[in-house]
Amino acid sequence: MGWTFYDSSGRKLNTASTLIDNLDIDGATDIGAAIVDADLFIIDDGAGGTNRKTAASRIATYIGSAFTFVGGNTTEVTETGFSAADSIAVAGISIAADAPIDVTFVGRRTTSGAAARPIAGFKINSTTVQEAATANGVNSYYDFQNSSLAADGGGMILLLPRITNYQQGIIAHQFNSGAATGENSSGGQSIKPVIDALMPIATITSLTMRILNIDTSDPDPDPSMDSMFVFSRAVA
């Protein structure tokens, strides 16, 4: 004679087809941690009653196959000098030359006023493709515009595939937040970036923001970069 099993509510458990409503999910112990790739879920393969296990990594692949988080950095870097210098970076990555890339970054003025704002540039691997600089009174890349407040600002960059005839494929959009006045106080603007060097046709191993402190009259209000996130798009 075989065994008959019941759950805590007296419902019969059939070893051949236990109903999903017999699972006491509410009464289970919380995982107490972030979900990681190795965690397991139950899935009905093809909705045909064939139940299988699947790792959480497969769910991430299914949802975000066209858009993958590569890396980020939230360690603030402050520029105290008055020459363009490397700032926040995302390193130790590997993105193929034919994959488009999205980059977001945030910087801040530590005091109010136009002179305290930073100007940002951009480096791919060891190549500075857009320098943080001013030329003839025009700032060549991201300029955290005039403001009466110390505030955050930042931007988004789309890098097209770094392949032959596409080495200038950089699309940029600037935004400012927290600004009371100024050119970009209520939003942002698309920017046609100045290209200082062609993007390298190579696997990307690091992306770095460069920063220029334009307040040469007072070394105190030093600008900084405090976050950067990189996403890789699927190869077309």
Protein backbone atom coordinates (compact mmCIF):
# COMPACT_ATOMS: atom_id res chain seq x y z
CA MET A 1 0.00 0.00 0.00
CA GLY A 2 1.42 3.38 -1.03
CA TRP A 3 1.69 6.49 1.08
CA THR A 4 -0.74 9.40 0.83
CA PHE A 5 0.59 12.89 1.61
CA TYR A 6 -1.30 16.02 2.65
CA ASP A 7 -0.20 19.63 3.01
CA SER A 8 -0.65 21.69 6.18
CA SER A 9 -4.22 22.60 5.12
CA GLY A 10 -5.26 19.00 4.60
CA ARG A 11 -5.10 19.11 0.82
CA LYS A 12 -3.97 15.88 -0.80
CA LEU A 13 -0.61 15.96 -2.56
CA ASN A 14 -0.55 13.84 -5.69
CA THR A 15 3.01 12.84 -6.61
CA ALA A 16 2.05 12.88 -10.28
CA SER A 17 0.57 16.36 -10.50
CA THR A 18 0.73 18.50 -7.38
CA LEU A 19 -1.37 21.63 -7.88
CA ILE A 20 0.50 24.91 -7.80
CA ASP A 21 -1.97 26.31 -5.27
CA ASN A 22 -0.63 23.76 -2.79
CA LEU A 23 2.63 25.72 -2.60
CA ASP A 24 2.75 27.86 0.53
CA ILE A 25 4.76 30.73 -0.96
CA ASP A 26 3.61 33.26 1.65
CA GLY A 27 4.87 31.04 4.44
CA ALA A 28 8.30 30.49 2.94
CA THR A 29 11.43 32.13 4.34
CA ASP A 30 12.49 35.23 2.41
CA ILE A 31 15.68 34.81 0.38
CA GLY A 32 17.22 37.67 2.33
CA ALA A 33 19.52 38.61 -0.54
CA ALA A 34 19.54 39.85 -4.10
CA ILE A 35 18.58 37.41 -6.82
CA VAL A 36 21.71 36.08 -8.56
CA ASP A 37 22.29 34.15 -11.76
CA ALA A 38 22.51 30.76 -10.01
CA ASP A 39 19.10 31.04 -8.28
CA LEU A 40 16.43 28.68 -9.64
CA PHE A 41 12.85 29.16 -10.82
CA ILE A 42 10.23 26.62 -11.89
CA ILE A 43 8.97 26.88 -15.45
CA ASP A 44 6.40 24.98 -17.54
CA ASP A 45 8.41 24.32 -20.68
CA GLY A 46 6.22 25.25 -23.64
CA ALA A 47 3.08 25.46 -21.48
CA GLY A 48 2.54 21.76 -22.06
CA GLY A 49 2.80 20.50 -18.52
CA THR A 50 6.48 19.62 -18.66
CA ASN A 51 7.90 21.35 -15.61
CA ARG A 52 11.58 22.17 -15.51
CA LYS A 53 13.97 24.28 -13.49
CA THR A 54 15.68 27.35 -14.93
CA ALA A 55 18.46 29.55 -13.61
CA ALA A 56 17.76 33.25 -13.06
CA SER A 57 20.45 34.01 -15.64
CA ARG A 58 18.15 32.69 -18.37
CA ILE A 59 15.44 35.17 -17.35
CA ALA A 60 17.89 38.06 -17.63
CA THR A 61 18.89 36.84 -21.09
CA TYR A 62 15.26 36.55 -22.19
CA ILE A 63 14.28 40.01 -20.97
CA GLY A 64 17.38 41.98 -21.80
CA SER A 65 19.01 40.20 -24.70
CA ALA A 66 19.13 43.43 -26.69
CA PHE A 67 20.33 45.64 -23.82
CA THR A 68 22.92 44.44 -21.29
CA PHE A 69 24.30 46.23 -18.24
CA VAL A 70 28.08 46.05 -18.54
CA GLY A 71 29.33 47.97 -15.53
CA GLY A 72 29.16 51.10 -13.43
CA ASN A 73 31.13 53.30 -11.08
CA THR A 74 29.72 55.55 -8.33
CA THR A 75 33.00 56.59 -6.71
CA GLU A 76 33.14 60.38 -6.92
CA VAL A 77 36.25 61.90 -8.48
CA THR A 78 37.02 65.60 -7.95
CA GLU A 79 39.23 67.71 -10.20
CA THR A 80 41.33 70.19 -8.24
CA GLY A 81 43.64 71.27 -11.05
CA PHE A 82 42.91 73.33 -14.15
CA SER A 83 43.80 70.95 -16.95
CA ALA A 84 41.63 68.23 -18.44
CA ALA A 85 42.20 64.96 -16.59
CA ASP A 86 40.77 61.47 -16.39
CA SER A 87 37.87 61.26 -13.98
CA ILE A 88 35.38 58.48 -13.29
CA ALA A 89 35.85 55.28 -15.30
CA VAL A 90 34.31 51.88 -15.94
CA ALA A 91 37.14 49.43 -16.56
CA GLY A 92 37.61 45.69 -16.81
CA ILE A 93 34.89 45.35 -19.45
CA SER A 94 34.83 43.67 -22.85
CA ILE A 95 32.55 45.05 -25.57
CA ALA A 96 33.02 44.01 -29.19
CA ALA A 97 33.77 46.73 -31.74
CA ASP A 98 30.51 46.11 -33.60
CA ALA A 99 28.23 46.49 -30.55
CA PRO A 100 26.51 49.86 -29.93
CA ILE A 101 26.98 51.25 -26.41
CA ASP A 102 24.92 53.53 -24.14
CA VAL A 103 26.71 55.55 -21.46
CA THR A 104 25.11 57.74 -18.77
CA PHE A 105 27.06 59.94 -16.39
CA VAL A 106 26.51 62.53 -13.68
CA GLY A 107 28.75 65.31 -12.41
CA ARG A 108 28.27 68.22 -10.07
CA ARG A 109 29.36 71.73 -9.28
CA THR A 110 30.41 72.00 -5.67
CA THR A 111 29.41 75.67 -5.49
CA SER A 112 27.08 77.97 -7.42
CA GLY A 113 27.90 80.03 -10.45
CA ALA A 114 29.11 79.54 -13.99
CA ALA A 115 32.79 79.43 -13.07
CA ALA A 116 32.27 76.45 -10.80
CA ARG A 117 30.82 74.20 -13.48
CA PRO A 118 32.76 71.33 -15.02
CA ILE A 119 33.24 70.52 -18.67
CA ALA A 120 33.41 66.82 -19.49
CA GLY A 121 35.13 64.83 -22.20
CA PHE A 122 35.23 61.17 -23.10
CA LYS A 123 37.88 58.48 -23.55
CA ILE A 124 37.61 55.01 -25.12
CA ASN A 125 40.38 52.68 -23.96
CA SER A 126 43.46 54.91 -24.20
CA THR A 127 42.05 57.23 -26.91
CA THR A 128 40.55 60.58 -25.93
CA VAL A 129 37.89 60.87 -28.60
CA GLN A 130 36.36 64.04 -27.13
CA GLU A 131 38.48 66.28 -24.93
CA ALA A 132 37.13 68.40 -22.10
CA ALA A 133 38.23 71.78 -23.40
CA THR A 134 37.22 75.26 -24.45
CA ALA A 135 38.09 76.79 -27.81
CA ASN A 136 37.26 80.34 -28.88
CA GLY A 137 34.86 80.64 -25.98
CA VAL A 138 32.93 77.51 -27.04
CA ASN A 139 33.04 74.44 -24.85
CA SER A 140 33.75 71.43 -27.00
CA TYR A 141 31.76 68.85 -25.11
CA TYR A 142 29.44 68.51 -22.10
CA ASP A 143 29.21 71.86 -20.34
CA PHE A 144 27.21 71.82 -17.09
CA GLN A 145 25.62 75.14 -17.88
CA ASN A 146 25.37 78.35 -15.89
CA SER A 147 23.45 78.05 -12.67
CA SER A 148 22.87 80.07 -9.53
CA LEU A 149 23.02 76.81 -7.53
CA ALA A 150 25.47 74.05 -6.90
CA ALA A 151 23.71 71.24 -8.69
CA ASP A 152 23.99 67.98 -10.54
CA GLY A 153 24.12 67.65 -14.29
CA GLY A 154 24.99 64.94 -16.70
CA GLY A 155 24.41 63.37 -20.03
CA MET A 156 23.80 60.33 -22.17
CA ILE A 157 26.02 59.10 -24.98
CA LEU A 158 25.28 56.57 -27.71
CA LEU A 159 28.35 55.08 -29.35
CA LEU A 160 27.59 53.43 -32.68
CA PRO A 161 29.64 50.39 -33.79
CA ARG A 162 33.35 51.19 -34.00
CA ILE A 163 33.97 49.81 -37.45
CA THR A 164 35.30 51.21 -40.72
CA ASN A 165 33.42 54.34 -41.84
CA TYR A 166 31.59 54.53 -38.48
CA GLN A 167 34.37 55.84 -36.24
CA GLN A 168 32.66 59.21 -35.68
CA GLY A 169 29.34 57.65 -34.67
CA ILE A 170 28.81 59.46 -31.37
CA ILE A 171 25.36 60.79 -30.47
CA ALA A 172 25.04 62.87 -27.32
CA HIS A 173 22.33 64.41 -25.16
CA GLN A 174 22.97 66.69 -22.20
CA PHE A 175 20.68 67.26 -19.24
CA ASN A 176 20.83 69.40 -16.12
CA SER A 177 18.92 69.00 -12.88
CA GLY A 178 18.48 71.24 -9.88
CA ALA A 179 19.45 74.37 -11.75
CA ALA A 180 17.48 77.53 -10.93
CA THR A 181 18.63 79.54 -13.91
CA GLY A 182 20.79 79.03 -16.93
CA GLU A 183 20.67 77.79 -20.46
CA ASN A 184 19.63 74.26 -19.53
CA SER A 185 17.83 74.95 -16.26
CA SER A 186 14.55 73.41 -17.39
CA GLY A 187 15.81 70.42 -19.31
CA GLY A 188 18.56 69.44 -21.67
CA GLN A 189 19.71 69.64 -25.23
CA SER A 190 21.11 67.40 -27.91
CA ILE A 191 24.73 68.09 -28.67
CA LYS A 192 26.78 67.61 -31.80
CA PRO A 193 30.04 66.61 -30.15
CA VAL A 194 33.40 67.77 -31.39
CA ILE A 195 35.46 64.76 -32.48
CA ASP A 196 39.06 65.05 -31.30
CA ALA A 197 40.00 61.53 -32.43
CA LEU A 198 38.29 58.67 -34.20
CA MET A 199 36.86 55.90 -32.06
CA PRO A 200 39.25 52.95 -32.04
CA ILE A 201 38.30 49.83 -34.00
CA ALA A 202 38.91 47.49 -31.10
CA THR A 203 37.26 45.66 -28.25
CA ILE A 204 36.42 48.22 -25.56
CA THR A 205 38.03 47.41 -22.22
CA SER A 206 37.48 50.77 -20.49
CA LEU A 207 35.39 53.93 -20.82
CA THR A 208 36.51 57.07 -18.99
CA MET A 209 35.00 60.51 -18.46
CA ARG A 210 37.47 63.39 -18.51
CA ILE A 211 36.80 66.60 -16.62
CA LEU A 212 38.01 70.20 -16.84
CA ASN A 213 37.77 72.69 -13.97
CA ILE A 214 37.29 76.06 -15.69
CA ASP A 215 37.32 78.16 -12.50
CA THR A 216 40.95 79.29 -12.62
CA SER A 217 40.20 82.28 -10.40
CA ASP A 218 39.44 80.23 -7.29
CA PRO A 219 40.66 76.69 -6.57
CA ASP A 220 37.91 75.98 -4.02
CA PRO A 221 34.79 75.20 -6.08
CA ASP A 222 36.17 72.00 -7.61
CA PRO A 223 33.83 70.11 -9.97
CA SER A 224 33.45 66.36 -9.78
CA MET A 225 32.04 63.34 -11.59
CA ASP A 226 30.15 60.96 -9.34
CA SER A 227 28.51 58.21 -11.39
CA MET A 228 28.83 56.45 -14.72
CA PHE A 229 26.92 53.45 -16.12
CA VAL A 230 27.55 51.49 -19.32
CA PHE A 231 25.07 49.37 -21.31
CA SER A 232 25.86 47.32 -24.39
CA ARG A 233 23.27 46.88 -27.13
CA ALA A 234 22.88 43.74 -29.20
CA VAL A 235 24.87 43.57 -32.41
CA ALA A 236 22.60 44.34 -35.37
